[in-house]
Amino acid sequence: TVKQSIARMKTFEEIAGEDGSYEGVLKKEALMMERKRMKL
């Protein structure tokens, strides 16, 4: 299960991109995803 959560964190990083701008994602969704990514 820890492996699954690590994979989830990596997907959030891919969506965020190198700049962390979350292009093509709504502002609210981007904020939620950033919080989850930071926690992980």
Full PDB file with SEQRES, HELIX, SHEET, SSBOND, CRYST1, ORIGX, SCALE, CONECT and MASTER records, all heavy atoms in Angstrom:
SEQRES   1 A   40  THR VAL LYS GLN SER ILE ALA ARG MET LYS THR PHE GLU          
SEQRES   2 A   40  GLU ILE ALA GLY GLU ASP GLY SER TYR GLU GLY VAL LEU          
SEQRES   3 A   40  LYS LYS GLU ALA LEU MET MET GLU ARG LYS ARG MET LYS          
SEQRES   4 A   40  LEU                                                          
HELIX    1 AA1 VAL A    2  ALA A   16  1                                  15    
HELIX    2 AA2 LYS A   27  LYS A   39  1                                  13    
CRYST1    1.000    1.000    1.000  90.00  90.00  90.00 P 1           1          
ORIGX1      1.000000  0.000000  0.000000        0.00000                         
ORIGX2      0.000000  1.000000  0.000000        0.00000                         
ORIGX3      0.000000  0.000000  1.000000        0.00000                         
SCALE1      1.000000  0.000000  0.000000        0.00000                         
SCALE2      0.000000  1.000000  0.000000        0.00000                         
SCALE3      0.000000  0.000000  1.000000        0.00000                         
ATOM      1  N   THR A   1       0.825  -1.210   0.000  1.00  0.00           N  
ATOM      2  CA  THR A   1       0.000   0.000   0.000  1.00  0.00           C  
ATOM      3  C   THR A   1       0.855   1.255   0.000  1.00  0.00           C  
ATOM      4  O   THR A   1       0.477   2.274  -0.583  1.00  0.00           O  
ATOM      5  CB  THR A   1      -0.932   0.017   1.222  1.00  0.00           C  
ATOM      6  OG1 THR A   1      -0.152  -0.135   2.415  1.00  0.00           O  
ATOM      7  CG2 THR A   1      -1.943  -1.086   1.150  1.00  0.00           C  
ATOM      8  N   VAL A   2       2.015   1.203   0.642  1.00  0.00           N  
ATOM      9  CA  VAL A   2       2.944   2.345   0.630  1.00  0.00           C  
ATOM     10  C   VAL A   2       3.431   2.609  -0.797  1.00  0.00           C  
ATOM     11  O   VAL A   2       3.557   3.765  -1.213  1.00  0.00           O  
ATOM     12  CB  VAL A   2       4.120   2.087   1.592  1.00  0.00           C  
ATOM     13  CG1 VAL A   2       5.171   3.173   1.472  1.00  0.00           C  
ATOM     14  CG2 VAL A   2       3.622   2.000   3.018  1.00  0.00           C  
ATOM     15  N   LYS A   3       3.673   1.548  -1.550  1.00  0.00           N  
ATOM     16  CA  LYS A   3       4.057   1.690  -2.952  1.00  0.00           C  
ATOM     17  C   LYS A   3       2.972   2.407  -3.762  1.00  0.00           C  
ATOM     18  O   LYS A   3       3.270   3.239  -4.621  1.00  0.00           O  
ATOM     19  CB  LYS A   3       4.316   0.309  -3.554  1.00  0.00           C  
ATOM     20  CG  LYS A   3       5.749  -0.147  -3.455  1.00  0.00           C  
ATOM     21  CD  LYS A   3       5.889  -1.486  -4.157  1.00  0.00           C  
ATOM     22  CE  LYS A   3       7.210  -1.711  -4.685  1.00  0.00           C  
ATOM     23  NZ  LYS A   3       7.350  -3.016  -5.361  1.00  0.00           N  
ATOM     24  N   GLN A   4       1.727   2.083  -3.483  1.00  0.00           N  
ATOM     25  CA  GLN A   4       0.612   2.721  -4.180  1.00  0.00           C  
ATOM     26  C   GLN A   4       0.560   4.217  -3.897  1.00  0.00           C  
ATOM     27  O   GLN A   4       0.338   5.030  -4.805  1.00  0.00           O  
ATOM     28  CB  GLN A   4      -0.702   2.063  -3.783  1.00  0.00           C  
ATOM     29  CG  GLN A   4      -0.872   0.659  -4.322  1.00  0.00           C  
ATOM     30  CD  GLN A   4      -2.138  -0.006  -3.825  1.00  0.00           C  
ATOM     31  OE1 GLN A   4      -2.932   0.603  -3.108  1.00  0.00           O  
ATOM     32  NE2 GLN A   4      -2.329  -1.260  -4.182  1.00  0.00           N  
ATOM     33  N   SER A   5       0.768   4.595  -2.634  1.00  0.00           N  
ATOM     34  CA  SER A   5       0.756   6.013  -2.271  1.00  0.00           C  
ATOM     35  C   SER A   5       1.951   6.746  -2.887  1.00  0.00           C  
ATOM     36  O   SER A   5       1.845   7.923  -3.267  1.00  0.00           O  
ATOM     37  CB  SER A   5       0.751   6.179  -0.748  1.00  0.00           C  
ATOM     38  OG  SER A   5       1.806   5.485  -0.152  1.00  0.00           O  
ATOM     39  N   ILE A   6       3.098   6.079  -3.021  1.00  0.00           N  
ATOM     40  CA  ILE A   6       4.261   6.683  -3.684  1.00  0.00           C  
ATOM     41  C   ILE A   6       3.951   6.925  -5.166  1.00  0.00           C  
ATOM     42  O   ILE A   6       4.292   7.975  -5.720  1.00  0.00           O  
ATOM     43  CB  ILE A   6       5.513   5.791  -3.513  1.00  0.00           C  
ATOM     44  CG1 ILE A   6       5.990   5.800  -2.058  1.00  0.00           C  
ATOM     45  CG2 ILE A   6       6.638   6.256  -4.422  1.00  0.00           C  
ATOM     46  CD1 ILE A   6       6.933   4.658  -1.713  1.00  0.00           C  
ATOM     47  N   ALA A   7       3.293   5.946  -5.803  1.00  0.00           N  
ATOM     48  CA  ALA A   7       2.899   6.101  -7.209  1.00  0.00           C  
ATOM     49  C   ALA A   7       1.906   7.253  -7.377  1.00  0.00           C  
ATOM     50  O   ALA A   7       1.968   8.005  -8.363  1.00  0.00           O  
ATOM     51  CB  ALA A   7       2.287   4.806  -7.712  1.00  0.00           C  
ATOM     52  N   ARG A   8       1.011   7.410  -6.400  1.00  0.00           N  
ATOM     53  CA  ARG A   8       0.048   8.516  -6.428  1.00  0.00           C  
ATOM     54  C   ARG A   8       0.772   9.860  -6.346  1.00  0.00           C  
ATOM     55  O   ARG A   8       0.425  10.815  -7.058  1.00  0.00           O  
ATOM     56  CB  ARG A   8      -0.917   8.358  -5.258  1.00  0.00           C  
ATOM     57  CG  ARG A   8      -2.163   9.200  -5.365  1.00  0.00           C  
ATOM     58  CD  ARG A   8      -3.027   8.956  -4.134  1.00  0.00           C  
ATOM     59  NE  ARG A   8      -4.169   9.831  -4.117  1.00  0.00           N  
ATOM     60  CZ  ARG A   8      -4.912  10.053  -3.042  1.00  0.00           C  
ATOM     61  NH1 ARG A   8      -4.619   9.434  -1.901  1.00  0.00           N  
ATOM     62  NH2 ARG A   8      -5.943  10.860  -3.100  1.00  0.00           N  
ATOM     63  N   MET A   9       1.766   9.947  -5.476  1.00  0.00           N  
ATOM     64  CA  MET A   9       2.553  11.173  -5.329  1.00  0.00           C  
ATOM     65  C   MET A   9       3.264  11.505  -6.640  1.00  0.00           C  
ATOM     66  O   MET A   9       3.313  12.677  -7.059  1.00  0.00           O  
ATOM     67  CB  MET A   9       3.568  10.988  -4.207  1.00  0.00           C  
ATOM     68  CG  MET A   9       4.441  12.200  -3.927  1.00  0.00           C  
ATOM     69  SD  MET A   9       5.651  11.904  -2.621  1.00  0.00           S  
ATOM     70  CE  MET A   9       6.774  10.773  -3.457  1.00  0.00           C  
ATOM     71  N   LYS A  10       3.784  10.498  -7.311  1.00  0.00           N  
ATOM     72  CA  LYS A  10       4.482  10.715  -8.585  1.00  0.00           C  
ATOM     73  C   LYS A  10       3.531  11.188  -9.678  1.00  0.00           C  
ATOM     74  O   LYS A  10       3.905  12.013 -10.521  1.00  0.00           O  
ATOM     75  CB  LYS A  10       5.190   9.436  -9.013  1.00  0.00           C  
ATOM     76  CG  LYS A  10       6.434   9.135  -8.183  1.00  0.00           C  
ATOM     77  CD  LYS A  10       7.094   7.839  -8.613  1.00  0.00           C  
ATOM     78  CE  LYS A  10       8.342   7.569  -7.784  1.00  0.00           C  
ATOM     79  NZ  LYS A  10       8.999   6.291  -8.165  1.00  0.00           N  
ATOM     80  N   THR A  11       2.290  10.693  -9.660  1.00  0.00           N  
ATOM     81  CA  THR A  11       1.294  11.162 -10.640  1.00  0.00           C  
ATOM     82  C   THR A  11       0.959  12.632 -10.426  1.00  0.00           C  
ATOM     83  O   THR A  11       0.819  13.404 -11.386  1.00  0.00           O  
ATOM     84  CB  THR A  11       0.011  10.321 -10.544  1.00  0.00           C  
ATOM     85  OG1 THR A  11      -0.459  10.287  -9.200  1.00  0.00           O  
ATOM     86  CG2 THR A  11       0.228   8.915 -11.067  1.00  0.00           C  
ATOM     87  N   PHE A  12       0.836  13.051  -9.165  1.00  0.00           N  
ATOM     88  CA  PHE A  12       0.590  14.463  -8.854  1.00  0.00           C  
ATOM     89  C   PHE A  12       1.737  15.339  -9.357  1.00  0.00           C  
ATOM     90  O   PHE A  12       1.502  16.435  -9.880  1.00  0.00           O  
ATOM     91  CB  PHE A  12       0.405  14.665  -7.349  1.00  0.00           C  
ATOM     92  CG  PHE A  12      -0.894  14.142  -6.801  1.00  0.00           C  
ATOM     93  CD1 PHE A  12      -0.958  13.578  -5.547  1.00  0.00           C  
ATOM     94  CD2 PHE A  12      -2.063  14.233  -7.533  1.00  0.00           C  
ATOM     95  CE1 PHE A  12      -2.150  13.095  -5.030  1.00  0.00           C  
ATOM     96  CE2 PHE A  12      -3.262  13.750  -7.031  1.00  0.00           C  
ATOM     97  CZ  PHE A  12      -3.304  13.175  -5.774  1.00  0.00           C  
ATOM     98  N   GLU A  13       2.958  14.861  -9.207  1.00  0.00           N  
ATOM     99  CA  GLU A  13       4.119  15.608  -9.691  1.00  0.00           C  
ATOM    100  C   GLU A  13       4.117  15.718 -11.213  1.00  0.00           C  
ATOM    101  O   GLU A  13       4.487  16.767 -11.757  1.00  0.00           O  
ATOM    102  CB  GLU A  13       5.395  14.936  -9.207  1.00  0.00           C  
ATOM    103  CG  GLU A  13       5.657  15.105  -7.723  1.00  0.00           C  
ATOM    104  CD  GLU A  13       6.885  14.362  -7.243  1.00  0.00           C  
ATOM    105  OE1 GLU A  13       7.465  13.606  -8.064  1.00  0.00           O  
ATOM    106  OE2 GLU A  13       7.253  14.499  -6.065  1.00  0.00           O  
ATOM    107  N   GLU A  14       3.719  14.662 -11.891  1.00  0.00           N  
ATOM    108  CA  GLU A  14       3.630  14.702 -13.355  1.00  0.00           C  
ATOM    109  C   GLU A  14       2.579  15.691 -13.827  1.00  0.00           C  
ATOM    110  O   GLU A  14       2.784  16.405 -14.814  1.00  0.00           O  
ATOM    111  CB  GLU A  14       3.316  13.309 -13.896  1.00  0.00           C  
ATOM    112  CG  GLU A  14       4.492  12.341 -13.806  1.00  0.00           C  
ATOM    113  CD  GLU A  14       4.122  10.938 -14.242  1.00  0.00           C  
ATOM    114  OE1 GLU A  14       2.934  10.735 -14.611  1.00  0.00           O  
ATOM    115  OE2 GLU A  14       4.996  10.044 -14.195  1.00  0.00           O  
ATOM    116  N   ILE A  15       1.431  15.706 -13.138  1.00  0.00           N  
ATOM    117  CA  ILE A  15       0.361  16.652 -13.495  1.00  0.00           C  
ATOM    118  C   ILE A  15       0.811  18.088 -13.246  1.00  0.00           C  
ATOM    119  O   ILE A  15       0.512  18.991 -14.030  1.00  0.00           O  
ATOM    120  CB  ILE A  15      -0.927  16.323 -12.718  1.00  0.00           C  
ATOM    121  CG1 ILE A  15      -1.503  14.980 -13.182  1.00  0.00           C  
ATOM    122  CG2 ILE A  15      -1.969  17.424 -12.900  1.00  0.00           C  
ATOM    123  CD1 ILE A  15      -2.469  14.357 -12.186  1.00  0.00           C  
ATOM    124  N   ALA A  16       1.530  18.287 -12.131  1.00  0.00           N  
ATOM    125  CA  ALA A  16       2.002  19.631 -11.788  1.00  0.00           C  
ATOM    126  C   ALA A  16       3.027  20.140 -12.787  1.00  0.00           C  
ATOM    127  O   ALA A  16       3.081  21.348 -13.080  1.00  0.00           O  
ATOM    128  CB  ALA A  16       2.594  19.635 -10.384  1.00  0.00           C  
ATOM    129  N   GLY A  17       3.862  19.259 -13.320  1.00  0.00           N  
ATOM    130  CA  GLY A  17       4.911  19.657 -14.241  1.00  0.00           C  
ATOM    131  C   GLY A  17       6.155  20.136 -13.513  1.00  0.00           C  
ATOM    132  O   GLY A  17       6.237  20.158 -12.273  1.00  0.00           O  
ATOM    133  N   GLU A  18       7.111  20.572 -14.291  1.00  0.00           N  
ATOM    134  CA  GLU A  18       8.360  21.051 -13.690  1.00  0.00           C  
ATOM    135  C   GLU A  18       8.170  22.363 -12.948  1.00  0.00           C  
ATOM    136  O   GLU A  18       8.817  22.610 -11.928  1.00  0.00           O  
ATOM    137  CB  GLU A  18       9.408  21.216 -14.794  1.00  0.00           C  
ATOM    138  CG  GLU A  18       9.828  19.893 -15.424  1.00  0.00           C  
ATOM    139  CD  GLU A  18      10.847  20.071 -16.526  1.00  0.00           C  
ATOM    140  OE1 GLU A  18      11.162  21.251 -16.856  1.00  0.00           O  
ATOM    141  OE2 GLU A  18      11.309  19.055 -17.094  1.00  0.00           O  
ATOM    142  N   ASP A  19       7.296  23.217 -13.460  1.00  0.00           N  
ATOM    143  CA  ASP A  19       7.047  24.531 -12.844  1.00  0.00           C  
ATOM    144  C   ASP A  19       6.077  24.450 -11.674  1.00  0.00           C  
ATOM    145  O   ASP A  19       6.022  25.385 -10.860  1.00  0.00           O  
ATOM    146  CB  ASP A  19       6.500  25.508 -13.885  1.00  0.00           C  
ATOM    147  CG  ASP A  19       7.441  25.663 -15.065  1.00  0.00           C  
ATOM    148  OD1 ASP A  19       8.669  25.534 -14.845  1.00  0.00           O  
ATOM    149  OD2 ASP A  19       6.959  25.906 -16.189  1.00  0.00           O  
ATOM    150  N   GLY A  20       5.294  23.383 -11.609  1.00  0.00           N  
ATOM    151  CA  GLY A  20       4.252  23.273 -10.591  1.00  0.00           C  
ATOM    152  C   GLY A  20       3.052  24.146 -10.893  1.00  0.00           C  
ATOM    153  O   GLY A  20       2.348  24.603  -9.982  1.00  0.00           O  
ATOM    154  N   SER A  21       2.779  24.381 -12.189  1.00  0.00           N  
ATOM    155  CA  SER A  21       1.697  25.281 -12.588  1.00  0.00           C  
ATOM    156  C   SER A  21       0.355  24.580 -12.761  1.00  0.00           C  
ATOM    157  O   SER A  21      -0.678  25.264 -12.815  1.00  0.00           O  
ATOM    158  CB  SER A  21       2.082  25.987 -13.880  1.00  0.00           C  
ATOM    159  OG  SER A  21       2.355  25.030 -14.909  1.00  0.00           O  
ATOM    160  N   TYR A  22       0.342  23.253 -12.899  1.00  0.00           N  
ATOM    161  CA  TYR A  22      -0.893  22.476 -13.102  1.00  0.00           C  
ATOM    162  C   TYR A  22      -1.672  23.011 -14.307  1.00  0.00           C  
ATOM    163  O   TYR A  22      -2.822  23.478 -14.201  1.00  0.00           O  
ATOM    164  CB  TYR A  22      -1.784  22.488 -11.844  1.00  0.00           C  
ATOM    165  CG  TYR A  22      -1.242  21.697 -10.696  1.00  0.00           C  
ATOM    166  CD1 TYR A  22      -0.489  22.313  -9.714  1.00  0.00           C  
ATOM    167  CD2 TYR A  22      -1.459  20.338 -10.595  1.00  0.00           C  
ATOM    168  CE1 TYR A  22       0.027  21.590  -8.656  1.00  0.00           C  
ATOM    169  CE2 TYR A  22      -0.950  19.603  -9.534  1.00  0.00           C  
ATOM    170  CZ  TYR A  22      -0.204  20.239  -8.563  1.00  0.00           C  
ATOM    171  OH  TYR A  22       0.295  19.519  -7.498  1.00  0.00           O  
ATOM    172  N   GLU A  23      -1.041  22.993 -15.471  1.00  0.00           N  
ATOM    173  CA  GLU A  23      -1.678  23.467 -16.693  1.00  0.00           C  
ATOM    174  C   GLU A  23      -2.824  22.541 -17.099  1.00  0.00           C  
ATOM    175  O   GLU A  23      -2.700  21.326 -17.063  1.00  0.00           O  
ATOM    176  CB  GLU A  23      -0.655  23.539 -17.828  1.00  0.00           C  
ATOM    177  CG  GLU A  23       0.375  24.629 -17.632  1.00  0.00           C  
ATOM    178  CD  GLU A  23       1.341  24.721 -18.780  1.00  0.00           C  
ATOM    179  OE1 GLU A  23       1.192  23.930 -19.742  1.00  0.00           O  
ATOM    180  OE2 GLU A  23       2.255  25.566 -18.727  1.00  0.00           O  
ATOM    181  N   GLY A  24      -3.953  23.147 -17.512  1.00  0.00           N  
ATOM    182  CA  GLY A  24      -5.131  22.388 -17.934  1.00  0.00           C  
ATOM    183  C   GLY A  24      -5.966  21.854 -16.791  1.00  0.00           C  
ATOM    184  O   GLY A  24      -6.850  21.026 -17.001  1.00  0.00           O  
ATOM    185  N   VAL A  25      -5.717  22.313 -15.554  1.00  0.00           N  
ATOM    186  CA  VAL A  25      -6.451  21.880 -14.364  1.00  0.00           C  
ATOM    187  C   VAL A  25      -7.088  23.105 -13.716  1.00  0.00           C  
ATOM    188  O   VAL A  25      -6.477  24.179 -13.679  1.00  0.00           O  
ATOM    189  CB  VAL A  25      -5.525  21.142 -13.364  1.00  0.00           C  
ATOM    190  CG1 VAL A  25      -6.311  20.634 -12.168  1.00  0.00           C  
ATOM    191  CG2 VAL A  25      -4.793  20.003 -14.036  1.00  0.00           C  
ATOM    192  N   LEU A  26      -8.303  22.938 -13.204  1.00  0.00           N  
ATOM    193  CA  LEU A  26      -8.970  24.039 -12.514  1.00  0.00           C  
ATOM    194  C   LEU A  26      -8.196  24.471 -11.271  1.00  0.00           C  
ATOM    195  O   LEU A  26      -7.453  23.692 -10.679  1.00  0.00           O  
ATOM    196  CB  LEU A  26     -10.385  23.619 -12.133  1.00  0.00           C  
ATOM    197  CG  LEU A  26     -11.354  23.340 -13.294  1.00  0.00           C  
ATOM    198  CD1 LEU A  26     -12.617  22.706 -12.778  1.00  0.00           C  
ATOM    199  CD2 LEU A  26     -11.681  24.625 -14.046  1.00  0.00           C  
ATOM    200  N   LYS A  27      -8.404  25.733 -10.887  1.00  0.00           N  
ATOM    201  CA  LYS A  27      -7.628  26.305  -9.792  1.00  0.00           C  
ATOM    202  C   LYS A  27      -7.881  25.584  -8.465  1.00  0.00           C  
ATOM    203  O   LYS A  27      -6.948  25.271  -7.710  1.00  0.00           O  
ATOM    204  CB  LYS A  27      -7.967  27.792  -9.652  1.00  0.00           C  
ATOM    205  CG  LYS A  27      -7.001  28.561  -8.771  1.00  0.00           C  
ATOM    206  CD  LYS A  27      -7.316  30.049  -8.800  1.00  0.00           C  
ATOM    207  CE  LYS A  27      -6.321  30.813  -7.930  1.00  0.00           C  
ATOM    208  NZ  LYS A  27      -6.635  32.275  -7.946  1.00  0.00           N  
ATOM    209  N   LYS A  28      -9.145  25.285  -8.205  1.00  0.00           N  
ATOM    210  CA  LYS A  28      -9.513  24.606  -6.958  1.00  0.00           C  
ATOM    211  C   LYS A  28      -8.931  23.197  -6.916  1.00  0.00           C  
ATOM    212  O   LYS A  28      -8.389  22.757  -5.887  1.00  0.00           O  
ATOM    213  CB  LYS A  28     -11.032  24.547  -6.825  1.00  0.00           C  
ATOM    214  CG  LYS A  28     -11.520  24.094  -5.473  1.00  0.00           C  
ATOM    215  CD  LYS A  28     -13.025  24.163  -5.374  1.00  0.00           C  
ATOM    216  CE  LYS A  28     -13.498  23.681  -4.003  1.00  0.00           C  
ATOM    217  NZ  LYS A  28     -14.987  23.725  -3.919  1.00  0.00           N  
ATOM    218  N   GLU A  29      -9.064  22.458  -8.024  1.00  0.00           N  
ATOM    219  CA  GLU A  29      -8.514  21.104  -8.111  1.00  0.00           C  
ATOM    220  C   GLU A  29      -6.999  21.114  -7.970  1.00  0.00           C  
ATOM    221  O   GLU A  29      -6.410  20.232  -7.328  1.00  0.00           O  
ATOM    222  CB  GLU A  29      -8.915  20.466  -9.434  1.00  0.00           C  
ATOM    223  CG  GLU A  29     -10.382  20.098  -9.515  1.00  0.00           C  
ATOM    224  CD  GLU A  29     -10.755  19.477 -10.842  1.00  0.00           C  
ATOM    225  OE1 GLU A  29      -9.875  19.367 -11.720  1.00  0.00           O  
ATOM    226  OE2 GLU A  29     -11.931  19.094 -11.015  1.00  0.00           O  
ATOM    227  N   ALA A  30      -6.355  22.115  -8.570  1.00  0.00           N  
ATOM    228  CA  ALA A  30      -4.900  22.232  -8.474  1.00  0.00           C  
ATOM    229  C   ALA A  30      -4.457  22.448  -7.024  1.00  0.00           C  
ATOM    230  O   ALA A  30      -3.461  21.862  -6.576  1.00  0.00           O  
ATOM    231  CB  ALA A  30      -4.424  23.384  -9.349  1.00  0.00           C  
ATOM    232  N   LEU A  31      -5.203  23.275  -6.283  1.00  0.00           N  
ATOM    233  CA  LEU A  31      -4.885  23.515  -4.871  1.00  0.00           C  
ATOM    234  C   LEU A  31      -5.027  22.239  -4.033  1.00  0.00           C  
ATOM    235  O   LEU A  31      -4.179  21.942  -3.181  1.00  0.00           O  
ATOM    236  CB  LEU A  31      -5.786  24.619  -4.307  1.00  0.00           C  
ATOM    237  CG  LEU A  31      -5.477  26.052  -4.743  1.00  0.00           C  
ATOM    238  CD1 LEU A  31      -6.640  26.966  -4.413  1.00  0.00           C  
ATOM    239  CD2 LEU A  31      -4.205  26.548  -4.083  1.00  0.00           C  
ATOM    240  N   MET A  32      -6.107  21.490  -4.287  1.00  0.00           N  
ATOM    241  CA  MET A  32      -6.330  20.227  -3.567  1.00  0.00           C  
ATOM    242  C   MET A  32      -5.223  19.222  -3.859  1.00  0.00           C  
ATOM    243  O   MET A  32      -4.700  18.554  -2.947  1.00  0.00           O  
ATOM    244  CB  MET A  32      -7.678  19.645  -3.963  1.00  0.00           C  
ATOM    245  CG  MET A  32      -8.889  20.476  -3.543  1.00  0.00           C  
ATOM    246  SD  MET A  32      -9.227  20.453  -1.789  1.00  0.00           S  
ATOM    247  CE  MET A  32      -9.932  18.842  -1.618  1.00  0.00           C  
ATOM    248  N   MET A  33      -4.857  19.114  -5.116  1.00  0.00           N  
ATOM    249  CA  MET A  33      -3.796  18.189  -5.512  1.00  0.00           C  
ATOM    250  C   MET A  33      -2.445  18.576  -4.921  1.00  0.00           C  
ATOM    251  O   MET A  33      -1.660  17.715  -4.500  1.00  0.00           O  
ATOM    252  CB  MET A  33      -3.719  18.114  -7.034  1.00  0.00           C  
ATOM    253  CG  MET A  33      -4.891  17.368  -7.671  1.00  0.00           C  
ATOM    254  SD  MET A  33      -5.004  17.591  -9.442  1.00  0.00           S  
ATOM    255  CE  MET A  33      -3.824  16.410  -9.999  1.00  0.00           C  
ATOM    256  N   GLU A  34      -2.163  19.894  -4.851  1.00  0.00           N  
ATOM    257  CA  GLU A  34      -0.907  20.366  -4.291  1.00  0.00           C  
ATOM    258  C   GLU A  34      -0.814  20.051  -2.796  1.00  0.00           C  
ATOM    259  O   GLU A  34       0.244  19.672  -2.282  1.00  0.00           O  
ATOM    260  CB  GLU A  34      -0.767  21.876  -4.522  1.00  0.00           C  
ATOM    261  CG  GLU A  34       0.556  22.468  -4.095  1.00  0.00           C  
ATOM    262  CD  GLU A  34       1.748  21.945  -4.869  1.00  0.00           C  
ATOM    263  OE1 GLU A  34       1.569  21.434  -5.993  1.00  0.00           O  
ATOM    264  OE2 GLU A  34       2.872  22.032  -4.331  1.00  0.00           O  
ATOM    265  N   ARG A  35      -1.929  20.205  -2.086  1.00  0.00           N  
ATOM    266  CA  ARG A  35      -1.956  19.870  -0.661  1.00  0.00           C  
ATOM    267  C   ARG A  35      -1.666  18.388  -0.431  1.00  0.00           C  
ATOM    268  O   ARG A  35      -0.878  18.019   0.459  1.00  0.00           O  
ATOM    269  CB  ARG A  35      -3.318  20.216  -0.059  1.00  0.00           C  
ATOM    270  CG  ARG A  35      -3.527  21.696   0.176  1.00  0.00           C  
ATOM    271  CD  ARG A  35      -4.945  21.954   0.648  1.00  0.00           C  
ATOM    272  NE  ARG A  35      -5.257  23.373   0.621  1.00  0.00           N  
ATOM    273  CZ  ARG A  35      -6.495  23.858   0.757  1.00  0.00           C  
ATOM    274  NH1 ARG A  35      -7.529  23.022   0.914  1.00  0.00           N  
ATOM    275  NH2 ARG A  35      -6.709  25.173   0.723  1.00  0.00           N  
ATOM    276  N   LYS A  36      -2.316  17.534  -1.216  1.00  0.00           N  
ATOM    277  CA  LYS A  36      -2.106  16.091  -1.092  1.00  0.00           C  
ATOM    278  C   LYS A  36      -0.661  15.716  -1.435  1.00  0.00           C  
ATOM    279  O   LYS A  36      -0.050  14.878  -0.760  1.00  0.00           O  
ATOM    280  CB  LYS A  36      -3.066  15.343  -2.014  1.00  0.00           C  
ATOM    281  CG  LYS A  36      -4.502  15.365  -1.525  1.00  0.00           C  
ATOM    282  CD  LYS A  36      -5.421  14.692  -2.523  1.00  0.00           C  
ATOM    283  CE  LYS A  36      -6.877  14.774  -2.062  1.00  0.00           C  
ATOM    284  NZ  LYS A  36      -7.790  14.183  -3.071  1.00  0.00           N  
ATOM    285  N   ARG A  37      -0.132  16.362  -2.459  1.00  0.00           N  
ATOM    286  CA  ARG A  37       1.247  16.075  -2.865  1.00  0.00           C  
ATOM    287  C   ARG A  37       2.236  16.456  -1.774  1.00  0.00           C  
ATOM    288  O   ARG A  37       3.177  15.703  -1.472  1.00  0.00           O  
ATOM    289  CB  ARG A  37       1.569  16.832  -4.160  1.00  0.00           C  
ATOM    290  CG  ARG A  37       2.891  16.434  -4.786  1.00  0.00           C  
ATOM    291  CD  ARG A  37       3.265  17.361  -5.916  1.00  0.00           C  
ATOM    292  NE  ARG A  37       3.579  18.688  -5.439  1.00  0.00           N  
ATOM    293  CZ  ARG A  37       4.734  19.029  -4.842  1.00  0.00           C  
ATOM    294  NH1 ARG A  37       5.697  18.134  -4.646  1.00  0.00           N  
ATOM    295  NH2 ARG A  37       4.930  20.270  -4.435  1.00  0.00           N  
ATOM    296  N   MET A  38       2.046  17.624  -1.165  1.00  0.00           N  
ATOM    297  CA  MET A  38       2.932  18.083  -0.096  1.00  0.00           C  
ATOM    298  C   MET A  38       2.875  17.154   1.121  1.00  0.00           C  
ATOM    299  O   MET A  38       3.904  16.855   1.745  1.00  0.00           O  
ATOM    300  CB  MET A  38       2.542  19.502   0.321  1.00  0.00           C  
ATOM    301  CG  MET A  38       2.854  20.571  -0.707  1.00  0.00           C  
ATOM    302  SD  MET A  38       4.611  20.853  -0.963  1.00  0.00           S  
ATOM    303  CE  MET A  38       5.028  21.684   0.535  1.00  0.00           C  
ATOM    304  N   LYS A  39       1.666  16.702   1.437  1.00  0.00           N  
ATOM    305  CA  LYS A  39       1.489  15.785   2.562  1.00  0.00           C  
ATOM    306  C   LYS A  39       2.215  14.466   2.314  1.00  0.00           C  
ATOM    307  O   LYS A  39       2.891  13.938   3.213  1.00  0.00           O  
ATOM    308  CB  LYS A  39      -0.002  15.544   2.791  1.00  0.00           C  
ATOM    309  CG  LYS A  39      -0.333  14.821   4.070  1.00  0.00           C  
ATOM    310  CD  LYS A  39      -1.833  14.683   4.242  1.00  0.00           C  
ATOM    311  CE  LYS A  39      -2.171  13.916   5.512  1.00  0.00           C  
ATOM    312  NZ  LYS A  39      -3.642  13.740   5.660  1.00  0.00           N  
ATOM    313  N   LEU A  40       2.071  13.923   1.110  1.00  0.00           N  
ATOM    314  CA  LEU A  40       2.738  12.673   0.765  1.00  0.00           C  
ATOM    315  C   LEU A  40       4.257  12.836   0.697  1.00  0.00           C  
ATOM    316  O   LEU A  40       5.004  11.938   1.098  1.00  0.00           O  
ATOM    317  CB  LEU A  40       2.211  12.154  -0.573  1.00  0.00           C  
ATOM    318  CG  LEU A  40       0.780  11.601  -0.577  1.00  0.00           C  
ATOM    319  CD1 LEU A  40       0.274  11.455  -1.994  1.00  0.00           C  
ATOM    320  CD2 LEU A  40       0.713  10.256   0.131  1.00  0.00           C  
TER     321      LEU A  40                                                      
MASTER        0    0    0    2    0    0    0    6  320    1    0    4          
END                                                                             
